[in-house]
């Protein structure tokens, strides 16, 4: 069976564990959904590939604190849409608070505080910026026709990741090592593929 949707991933997880209670009609079907959610949380912590990059070319900086975009994981680049364009670079929060405790102006530094960007200097008026950032993929755990780029191109990673998260519940220690090795290999291959996409397959050179 091909694994192309979240529903098919849930079914595959039930098939691979061989547990009748984890099928769609089983009393513990919700456990496989939880396993996929936990695997996806690890993807979001460990993966930073070009497939995860998205761009907001008109991000509105309306004050010192502005909410990060939905699904935000990490900033890739931040450019103020001025003429000429200027980079907004990262500054730790304690340094930012000390250096820009008063005054306003065009923001040149940012950091992340909770679910917000903090900008310094505090903008004197609304500014537009181009934000390129890593965004968390949509979930595959709801059991429907949903899918994301990881499942589209790397169903083995999704399956092995979910199997590892389900291992503690299904108590199948004999297959944990096999799943762990397959998961590690798939994750490593995806990271290397991402590096080739980003750097064109060329090694770094000394200039």
C-alpha atoms as a PDB file:
ATOM      1  CA  UNK A   1       0.000   0.000   0.000  1.00  0.00           C
ATOM      2  CA  UNK A   2       1.302   3.448  -0.905  1.00  0.00           C
ATOM      3  CA  UNK A   3       1.591   5.971   1.923  1.00  0.00           C
ATOM      4  CA  UNK A   4       0.422   9.274   0.474  1.00  0.00           C
ATOM      5  CA  UNK A   5      -1.969  10.711   3.097  1.00  0.00           C
ATOM      6  CA  UNK A   6      -2.209  11.002   6.847  1.00  0.00           C
ATOM      7  CA  UNK A   7      -4.943   8.358   6.857  1.00  0.00           C
ATOM      8  CA  UNK A   8      -2.738   5.910   4.947  1.00  0.00           C
ATOM      9  CA  UNK A   9       0.140   6.624   7.325  1.00  0.00           C
ATOM     10  CA  UNK A  10      -2.098   5.753  10.287  1.00  0.00           C
ATOM     11  CA  UNK A  11      -3.147   2.533   8.555  1.00  0.00           C
ATOM     12  CA  UNK A  12       0.463   1.653   7.715  1.00  0.00           C
ATOM     13  CA  UNK A  13       1.489   2.161  11.323  1.00  0.00           C
ATOM     14  CA  UNK A  14      -1.229  -0.252  12.429  1.00  0.00           C
ATOM     15  CA  UNK A  15      -0.154  -2.761   9.767  1.00  0.00           C
ATOM     16  CA  UNK A  16       3.532  -2.611  10.680  1.00  0.00           C
ATOM     17  CA  UNK A  17       2.890  -3.101  14.381  1.00  0.00           C
ATOM     18  CA  UNK A  18       0.530  -6.022  13.729  1.00  0.00           C
ATOM     19  CA  UNK A  19      -1.805  -4.829  16.459  1.00  0.00           C
ATOM     20  CA  UNK A  20      -5.524  -5.310  15.769  1.00  0.00           C
ATOM     21  CA  UNK A  21      -6.404  -2.803  18.494  1.00  0.00           C
ATOM     22  CA  UNK A  22      -4.545  -0.090  16.553  1.00  0.00           C
ATOM     23  CA  UNK A  23      -6.568  -0.421  13.344  1.00  0.00           C
ATOM     24  CA  UNK A  24      -9.107   2.250  12.432  1.00  0.00           C
ATOM     25  CA  UNK A  25     -11.825   0.273  14.230  1.00  0.00           C
ATOM     26  CA  UNK A  26      -9.610  -0.669  17.181  1.00  0.00           C
ATOM     27  CA  UNK A  27     -10.088   0.666  20.688  1.00  0.00           C
ATOM     28  CA  UNK A  28      -6.534   2.089  20.793  1.00  0.00           C
ATOM     29  CA  UNK A  29      -6.447   3.687  17.327  1.00  0.00           C
ATOM     30  CA  UNK A  30      -5.756   7.064  18.932  1.00  0.00           C
ATOM     31  CA  UNK A  31      -2.341   5.839  20.065  1.00  0.00           C
ATOM     32  CA  UNK A  32      -1.026   5.769  16.480  1.00  0.00           C
ATOM     33  CA  UNK A  33      -2.141   9.364  15.966  1.00  0.00           C
ATOM     34  CA  UNK A  34      -0.246  10.341  19.108  1.00  0.00           C
ATOM     35  CA  UNK A  35       2.854   8.507  17.844  1.00  0.00           C
ATOM     36  CA  UNK A  36       2.767  10.469  14.579  1.00  0.00           C
ATOM     37  CA  UNK A  37       2.360  13.756  16.455  1.00  0.00           C
ATOM     38  CA  UNK A  38       5.390  12.994  18.632  1.00  0.00           C
ATOM     39  CA  UNK A  39       7.471  12.014  15.589  1.00  0.00           C
ATOM     40  CA  UNK A  40       6.516  15.290  13.901  1.00  0.00           C
ATOM     41  CA  UNK A  41       7.588  17.228  16.992  1.00  0.00           C
ATOM     42  CA  UNK A  42      11.049  15.668  16.605  1.00  0.00           C
ATOM     43  CA  UNK A  43      11.112  16.578  12.901  1.00  0.00           C
ATOM     44  CA  UNK A  44      10.447  20.203  13.835  1.00  0.00           C
ATOM     45  CA  UNK A  45      13.313  20.199  16.342  1.00  0.00           C
ATOM     46  CA  UNK A  46      15.840  18.382  14.147  1.00  0.00           C
ATOM     47  CA  UNK A  47      15.155  19.375  10.541  1.00  0.00           C
ATOM     48  CA  UNK A  48      16.081  22.609   8.795  1.00  0.00           C
ATOM     49  CA  UNK A  49      15.934  22.007   5.051  1.00  0.00           C
ATOM     50  CA  UNK A  50      15.092  24.227   2.046  1.00  0.00           C
ATOM     51  CA  UNK A  51      11.695  22.503   1.838  1.00  0.00           C
ATOM     52  CA  UNK A  52      10.801  24.134   5.166  1.00  0.00           C
ATOM     53  CA  UNK A  53      11.657  27.674   4.054  1.00  0.00           C
ATOM     54  CA  UNK A  54       8.918  30.187   3.383  1.00  0.00           C
ATOM     55  CA  UNK A  55       8.970  33.917   2.694  1.00  0.00           C
ATOM     56  CA  UNK A  56       6.773  36.798   3.767  1.00  0.00           C
ATOM     57  CA  UNK A  57       7.751  39.736   1.565  1.00  0.00           C
ATOM     58  CA  UNK A  58       5.495  42.163   3.436  1.00  0.00           C
ATOM     59  CA  UNK A  59       5.938  41.311   7.106  1.00  0.00           C
ATOM     60  CA  UNK A  60       4.541  44.245   9.083  1.00  0.00           C
ATOM     61  CA  UNK A  61       6.632  45.536  12.009  1.00  0.00           C
ATOM     62  CA  UNK A  62       4.103  47.554  13.956  1.00  0.00           C
ATOM     63  CA  UNK A  63       5.906  47.964  17.286  1.00  0.00           C
ATOM     64  CA  UNK A  64       8.592  46.646  19.611  1.00  0.00           C
ATOM     65  CA  UNK A  65       6.846  43.266  19.925  1.00  0.00           C
ATOM     66  CA  UNK A  66       5.152  41.570  16.961  1.00  0.00           C
ATOM     67  CA  UNK A  67       3.819  38.003  16.846  1.00  0.00           C
ATOM     68  CA  UNK A  68       5.904  35.481  14.898  1.00  0.00           C
ATOM     69  CA  UNK A  69       4.135  33.849  11.904  1.00  0.00           C
ATOM     70  CA  UNK A  70       2.060  30.704  12.414  1.00  0.00           C
ATOM     71  CA  UNK A  71       4.296  27.637  12.340  1.00  0.00           C
ATOM     72  CA  UNK A  72       7.464  29.703  12.836  1.00  0.00           C
ATOM     73  CA  UNK A  73      10.491  27.634  13.833  1.00  0.00           C
ATOM     74  CA  UNK A  74      13.534  29.798  13.101  1.00  0.00           C
ATOM     75  CA  UNK A  75      14.459  32.907  11.135  1.00  0.00           C
ATOM     76  CA  UNK A  76      16.587  32.425   8.025  1.00  0.00           C
ATOM     77  CA  UNK A  77      16.936  36.084   7.007  1.00  0.00           C
ATOM     78  CA  UNK A  78      15.292  39.404   7.834  1.00  0.00           C
ATOM     79  CA  UNK A  79      15.519  42.418   5.527  1.00  0.00           C
ATOM     80  CA  UNK A  80      13.924  45.830   6.018  1.00  0.00           C
ATOM     81  CA  UNK A  81      12.144  46.875   2.813  1.00  0.00           C
ATOM     82  CA  UNK A  82      13.899  50.228   2.708  1.00  0.00           C
ATOM     83  CA  UNK A  83      15.941  51.847  -0.046  1.00  0.00           C
ATOM     84  CA  UNK A  84      18.558  50.556   0.054  1.00  0.00           C
ATOM     85  CA  UNK A  85      17.412  47.350   1.729  1.00  0.00           C
ATOM     86  CA  UNK A  86      18.942  46.742   5.145  1.00  0.00           C
ATOM     87  CA  UNK A  87      19.396  43.574   7.132  1.00  0.00           C
ATOM     88  CA  UNK A  88      17.745  43.146  10.522  1.00  0.00           C
ATOM     89  CA  UNK A  89      20.160  40.971  12.483  1.00  0.00           C
ATOM     90  CA  UNK A  90      19.847  38.963  15.668  1.00  0.00           C
ATOM     91  CA  UNK A  91      20.839  40.485  19.012  1.00  0.00           C
ATOM     92  CA  UNK A  92      20.389  38.690  22.359  1.00  0.00           C
ATOM     93  CA  UNK A  93      17.547  40.058  24.439  1.00  0.00           C
ATOM     94  CA  UNK A  94      19.698  41.270  27.347  1.00  0.00           C
ATOM     95  CA  UNK A  95      22.033  43.196  25.018  1.00  0.00           C
ATOM     96  CA  UNK A  96      19.069  44.625  23.158  1.00  0.00           C
ATOM     97  CA  UNK A  97      17.399  45.811  26.369  1.00  0.00           C
ATOM     98  CA  UNK A  98      20.628  47.481  27.526  1.00  0.00           C
ATOM     99  CA  UNK A  99      21.616  49.137  24.241  1.00  0.00           C
ATOM    100  CA  UNK A 100      18.133  50.308  23.215  1.00  0.00           C
ATOM    101  CA  UNK A 101      16.349  51.100  26.462  1.00  0.00           C
ATOM    102  CA  UNK A 102      15.165  54.437  25.050  1.00  0.00           C
ATOM    103  CA  UNK A 103      14.630  56.036  21.667  1.00  0.00           C
ATOM    104  CA  UNK A 104      12.962  54.964  18.445  1.00  0.00           C
ATOM    105  CA  UNK A 105      14.022  54.489  14.830  1.00  0.00           C
ATOM    106  CA  UNK A 106      14.235  51.958  12.019  1.00  0.00           C
ATOM    107  CA  UNK A 107      14.664  48.462  13.502  1.00  0.00           C
ATOM    108  CA  UNK A 108      18.118  46.945  12.928  1.00  0.00           C
ATOM    109  CA  UNK A 109      18.064  44.105  15.481  1.00  0.00           C
ATOM    110  CA  UNK A 110      15.595  41.415  16.517  1.00  0.00           C
ATOM    111  CA  UNK A 111      15.275  38.487  18.873  1.00  0.00           C
ATOM    112  CA  UNK A 112      12.469  36.129  19.830  1.00  0.00           C
ATOM    113  CA  UNK A 113      10.676  36.542  23.154  1.00  0.00           C
ATOM    114  CA  UNK A 114       7.994  33.919  23.722  1.00  0.00           C
ATOM    115  CA  UNK A 115       5.831  33.926  20.622  1.00  0.00           C
ATOM    116  CA  UNK A 116       6.935  37.397  19.537  1.00  0.00           C
ATOM    117  CA  UNK A 117       9.760  39.115  17.724  1.00  0.00           C
ATOM    118  CA  UNK A 118      11.307  41.964  19.676  1.00  0.00           C
ATOM    119  CA  UNK A 119      12.760  44.760  17.561  1.00  0.00           C
ATOM    120  CA  UNK A 120      15.342  47.427  18.362  1.00  0.00           C
ATOM    121  CA  UNK A 121      15.320  50.321  18.110  1.00  0.00           C
ATOM    122  CA  UNK A 122      11.593  50.415  18.719  1.00  0.00           C
ATOM    123  CA  UNK A 123      10.135  51.402  15.318  1.00  0.00           C
ATOM    124  CA  UNK A 124       8.812  54.943  15.210  1.00  0.00           C
ATOM    125  CA  UNK A 125       6.247  53.905  12.588  1.00  0.00           C
ATOM    126  CA  UNK A 126       5.057  50.738  10.867  1.00  0.00           C
ATOM    127  CA  UNK A 127       7.772  49.195   8.697  1.00  0.00           C
ATOM    128  CA  UNK A 128       7.589  46.412   6.112  1.00  0.00           C
ATOM    129  CA  UNK A 129      10.228  43.703   5.937  1.00  0.00           C
ATOM    130  CA  UNK A 130      11.001  40.527   4.026  1.00  0.00           C
ATOM    131  CA  UNK A 131      11.184  37.585   6.419  1.00  0.00           C
ATOM    132  CA  UNK A 132      12.456  34.208   5.264  1.00  0.00           C
ATOM    133  CA  UNK A 133      11.963  31.540   7.891  1.00  0.00           C
ATOM    134  CA  UNK A 134      11.669  27.835   8.574  1.00  0.00           C
ATOM    135  CA  UNK A 135       8.030  26.802   8.965  1.00  0.00           C
ATOM    136  CA  UNK A 136       6.721  23.642  10.620  1.00  0.00           C
ATOM    137  CA  UNK A 137       5.055  21.296   8.110  1.00  0.00           C
ATOM    138  CA  UNK A 138       1.330  20.604   8.436  1.00  0.00           C
ATOM    139  CA  UNK A 139       0.493  17.577  10.546  1.00  0.00           C
ATOM    140  CA  UNK A 140      -0.307  14.110   9.171  1.00  0.00           C
ATOM    141  CA  UNK A 141      -1.852  12.807  12.389  1.00  0.00           C
ATOM    142  CA  UNK A 142      -5.556  13.471  11.927  1.00  0.00           C
ATOM    143  CA  UNK A 143      -6.278  10.408   9.823  1.00  0.00           C
ATOM    144  CA  UNK A 144      -7.689  12.149   6.754  1.00  0.00           C
ATOM    145  CA  UNK A 145      -6.414  13.100   3.309  1.00  0.00           C
ATOM    146  CA  UNK A 146      -3.888  15.603   4.671  1.00  0.00           C
ATOM    147  CA  UNK A 147      -0.247  15.412   3.653  1.00  0.00           C
ATOM    148  CA  UNK A 148       2.891  17.533   3.673  1.00  0.00           C
ATOM    149  CA  UNK A 149       6.209  17.598   1.833  1.00  0.00           C
ATOM    150  CA  UNK A 150       7.811  15.115   4.244  1.00  0.00           C
ATOM    151  CA  UNK A 151       5.123  12.506   3.655  1.00  0.00           C
ATOM    152  CA  UNK A 152       5.042  13.242  -0.093  1.00  0.00           C
ATOM    153  CA  UNK A 153       8.782  12.661  -0.557  1.00  0.00           C
ATOM    154  CA  UNK A 154       9.900  10.746   2.534  1.00  0.00           C
ATOM    155  CA  UNK A 155       7.137   8.382   3.708  1.00  0.00           C
ATOM    156  CA  UNK A 156       9.766   6.039   5.146  1.00  0.00           C
ATOM    157  CA  UNK A 157      10.940   8.753   7.550  1.00  0.00           C
ATOM    158  CA  UNK A 158       7.360   9.410   8.707  1.00  0.00           C
ATOM    159  CA  UNK A 159       6.663   5.713   9.187  1.00  0.00           C
ATOM    160  CA  UNK A 160       9.886   4.813  11.023  1.00  0.00           C
ATOM    161  CA  UNK A 161       9.642   7.924  13.187  1.00  0.00           C
ATOM    162  CA  UNK A 162       6.093   7.051  14.233  1.00  0.00           C
ATOM    163  CA  UNK A 163       7.009   3.401  14.826  1.00  0.00           C
ATOM    164  CA  UNK A 164       9.773   4.477  17.195  1.00  0.00           C
ATOM    165  CA  UNK A 165       7.362   6.686  19.136  1.00  0.00           C
ATOM    166  CA  UNK A 166       4.843   3.831  19.318  1.00  0.00           C
ATOM    167  CA  UNK A 167       7.451   1.307  20.477  1.00  0.00           C
ATOM    168  CA  UNK A 168       7.007   2.098  24.168  1.00  0.00           C
ATOM    169  CA  UNK A 169       3.267   1.529  23.920  1.00  0.00           C
ATOM    170  CA  UNK A 170       3.281  -1.650  21.830  1.00  0.00           C
ATOM    171  CA  UNK A 171       6.247  -3.095  23.801  1.00  0.00           C
ATOM    172  CA  UNK A 172       7.931  -4.727  20.817  1.00  0.00           C
ATOM    173  CA  UNK A 173      11.571  -4.468  21.837  1.00  0.00           C
ATOM    174  CA  UNK A 174      12.713  -6.971  19.199  1.00  0.00           C
ATOM    175  CA  UNK A 175      12.064  -4.479  16.393  1.00  0.00           C
ATOM    176  CA  UNK A 176      13.040  -1.224  18.078  1.00  0.00           C
ATOM    177  CA  UNK A 177      16.690  -1.395  16.969  1.00  0.00           C
ATOM    178  CA  UNK A 178      15.673  -2.080  13.357  1.00  0.00           C
ATOM    179  CA  UNK A 179      13.277   0.865  13.346  1.00  0.00           C
ATOM    180  CA  UNK A 180      15.829   3.111  15.056  1.00  0.00           C
ATOM    181  CA  UNK A 181      18.510   2.325  12.461  1.00  0.00           C
ATOM    182  CA  UNK A 182      16.104   2.838   9.558  1.00  0.00           C
ATOM    183  CA  UNK A 183      14.886   6.134  11.043  1.00  0.00           C
ATOM    184  CA  UNK A 184      18.433   7.422  11.635  1.00  0.00           C
ATOM    185  CA  UNK A 185      19.427   6.527   8.061  1.00  0.00           C
ATOM    186  CA  UNK A 186      16.369   8.226   6.535  1.00  0.00           C
ATOM    187  CA  UNK A 187      16.862  11.354   8.664  1.00  0.00           C
ATOM    188  CA  UNK A 188      20.548  11.573   7.754  1.00  0.00           C
ATOM    189  CA  UNK A 189      19.786  11.157   4.054  1.00  0.00           C
ATOM    190  CA  UNK A 190      17.161  13.905   4.176  1.00  0.00           C
ATOM    191  CA  UNK A 191      19.584  16.296   5.907  1.00  0.00           C
ATOM    192  CA  UNK A 192      22.260  15.568   3.293  1.00  0.00           C
ATOM    193  CA  UNK A 193      19.761  16.087   0.487  1.00  0.00           C
ATOM    194  CA  UNK A 194      18.803  19.424   2.016  1.00  0.00           C
ATOM    195  CA  UNK A 195      22.457  20.457   2.205  1.00  0.00           C
ATOM    196  CA  UNK A 196      22.954  19.573  -1.476  1.00  0.00           C
ATOM    197  CA  UNK A 197      19.873  21.599  -2.429  1.00  0.00           C
ATOM    198  CA  UNK A 198      21.174  24.575  -0.464  1.00  0.00           C
ATOM    199  CA  UNK A 199      24.802  24.436  -1.532  1.00  0.00           C
ATOM    200  CA  UNK A 200      24.516  22.867  -4.983  1.00  0.00           C
ATOM    201  CA  UNK A 201      26.362  19.721  -3.963  1.00  0.00           C
ATOM    202  CA  UNK A 202      29.655  21.629  -3.804  1.00  0.00           C
ATOM    203  CA  UNK A 203      31.945  21.511  -0.841  1.00  0.00           C
ATOM    204  CA  UNK A 204      32.879  24.714   0.935  1.00  0.00           C
ATOM    205  CA  UNK A 205      36.092  26.303  -0.336  1.00  0.00           C
ATOM    206  CA  UNK A 206      38.644  28.603   1.252  1.00  0.00           C
ATOM    207  CA  UNK A 207      38.790  31.995  -0.434  1.00  0.00           C
END
